[in-house]
Amino acid sequence: MPVRKRRDRRRNTGTLDDWEWALELGWPCTGDLDGICELDEHGHPDREAARSAWKLYGAQIMARWCAEHPNGSQYVCWGLEQFGEPPCR
């Protein structure tokens, strides 16, 4: 009798390095999110997946952003603009 494969119930949410470009710029220009979340026809991540990633990695991304732009920047971090202040910042 054939053995039925079990579906892996653990979701691959990616890592900080996978999400960094997408959450800073609004789109993943390196293809790091392939297989991690649904991407639209333009390669943009699903909004809910991005929101979840922002909750996980937003504080770290903002710490890096502030260190790289100590005097501010003419650009706004996309995750901050879309989802507000990250938790635990």
Protein backbone atom coordinates (compact mmCIF):
# COMPACT_ATOMS: atom_id res chain seq x y z
CA MET A 1 0.00 0.00 0.00
CA PRO A 2 1.46 3.40 -0.95
CA VAL A 3 2.44 5.74 1.84
CA ARG A 4 0.80 9.12 1.79
CA LYS A 5 3.19 12.04 2.08
CA ARG A 6 2.51 14.40 4.93
CA ARG A 7 2.39 18.06 4.16
CA ASP A 8 4.96 20.12 6.01
CA ARG A 9 2.88 22.34 8.27
CA ARG A 10 5.76 24.65 9.10
CA ARG A 11 5.55 27.75 6.98
CA ASN A 12 8.71 29.12 5.51
CA THR A 13 8.50 32.78 6.50
CA GLY A 14 11.94 33.60 5.19
CA THR A 15 14.74 35.40 6.96
CA LEU A 16 15.63 39.03 7.53
CA ASP A 17 17.97 38.89 4.54
CA ASP A 18 15.15 37.53 2.34
CA TRP A 19 12.74 40.31 3.29
CA GLU A 20 15.09 43.28 3.71
CA TRP A 21 14.87 44.65 0.14
CA ALA A 22 11.12 44.14 -0.09
CA LEU A 23 10.40 45.88 3.21
CA GLU A 24 12.81 48.76 2.59
CA LEU A 25 11.96 49.45 -1.05
CA GLY A 26 8.53 47.91 -1.53
CA TRP A 27 9.60 45.23 -3.97
CA PRO A 28 12.11 42.38 -3.88
CA CYS A 29 14.61 43.21 -6.62
CA THR A 30 16.77 40.15 -5.97
CA GLY A 31 14.22 37.31 -6.21
CA ASP A 32 14.81 36.37 -2.58
CA LEU A 33 11.10 35.80 -1.91
CA ASP A 34 10.60 33.09 -4.54
CA GLY A 35 9.03 30.15 -2.72
CA ILE A 36 8.57 32.10 0.52
CA CYS A 37 5.32 33.89 -0.30
CA GLU A 38 2.95 34.52 -3.15
CA LEU A 39 4.19 37.13 -5.60
CA ASP A 40 2.00 39.06 -8.00
CA GLU A 41 2.71 39.39 -11.73
CA HIS A 42 5.15 42.24 -11.01
CA GLY A 43 7.06 40.29 -8.37
CA HIS A 44 5.61 42.16 -5.38
CA PRO A 45 4.91 40.11 -2.24
CA ASP A 46 1.45 39.41 -0.88
CA ARG A 47 0.46 42.26 1.46
CA GLU A 48 -0.39 40.02 4.41
CA ALA A 49 2.90 38.14 4.09
CA ALA A 50 4.71 41.49 4.03
CA ARG A 51 2.79 42.64 7.12
CA SER A 52 3.77 39.46 8.98
CA ALA A 53 7.40 39.89 7.95
CA TRP A 54 7.29 43.53 9.09
CA LYS A 55 6.11 42.39 12.52
CA LEU A 56 9.00 39.93 12.69
CA TYR A 57 11.82 41.97 11.17
CA GLY A 58 10.66 45.60 11.15
CA ALA A 59 12.56 46.63 14.27
CA GLN A 60 15.82 45.22 12.90
CA ILE A 61 15.26 46.83 9.52
CA MET A 62 14.53 50.20 11.10
CA ALA A 63 17.65 49.93 13.29
CA ARG A 64 19.74 49.35 10.16
CA TRP A 65 17.88 52.10 8.29
CA CYS A 66 18.57 54.64 11.05
CA ALA A 67 22.23 53.60 11.26
CA GLU A 68 22.63 54.00 7.48
CA HIS A 69 20.78 57.33 7.40
CA PRO A 70 21.72 59.12 10.67
CA ASN A 71 20.70 62.52 9.29
CA GLY A 72 17.48 61.24 7.79
CA SER A 73 16.77 60.35 4.19
CA GLN A 74 14.74 61.79 1.37
CA TYR A 75 13.15 58.35 1.09
CA VAL A 76 10.88 56.59 3.55
CA CYS A 77 11.25 52.93 4.40
CA TRP A 78 8.36 51.18 2.60
CA GLY A 79 7.44 48.95 5.56
CA LEU A 80 7.26 51.94 7.88
CA GLU A 81 5.12 53.86 5.39
CA GLN A 82 2.72 50.94 4.81
CA PHE A 83 2.47 49.31 8.23
CA GLY A 84 3.58 51.95 10.74
CA GLU A 85 6.10 51.65 13.53
CA PRO A 86 7.29 48.07 14.02
CA PRO A 87 6.70 46.38 17.35
CA CYS A 88 9.53 46.44 19.94
CA ARG A 89 11.27 49.45 18.49
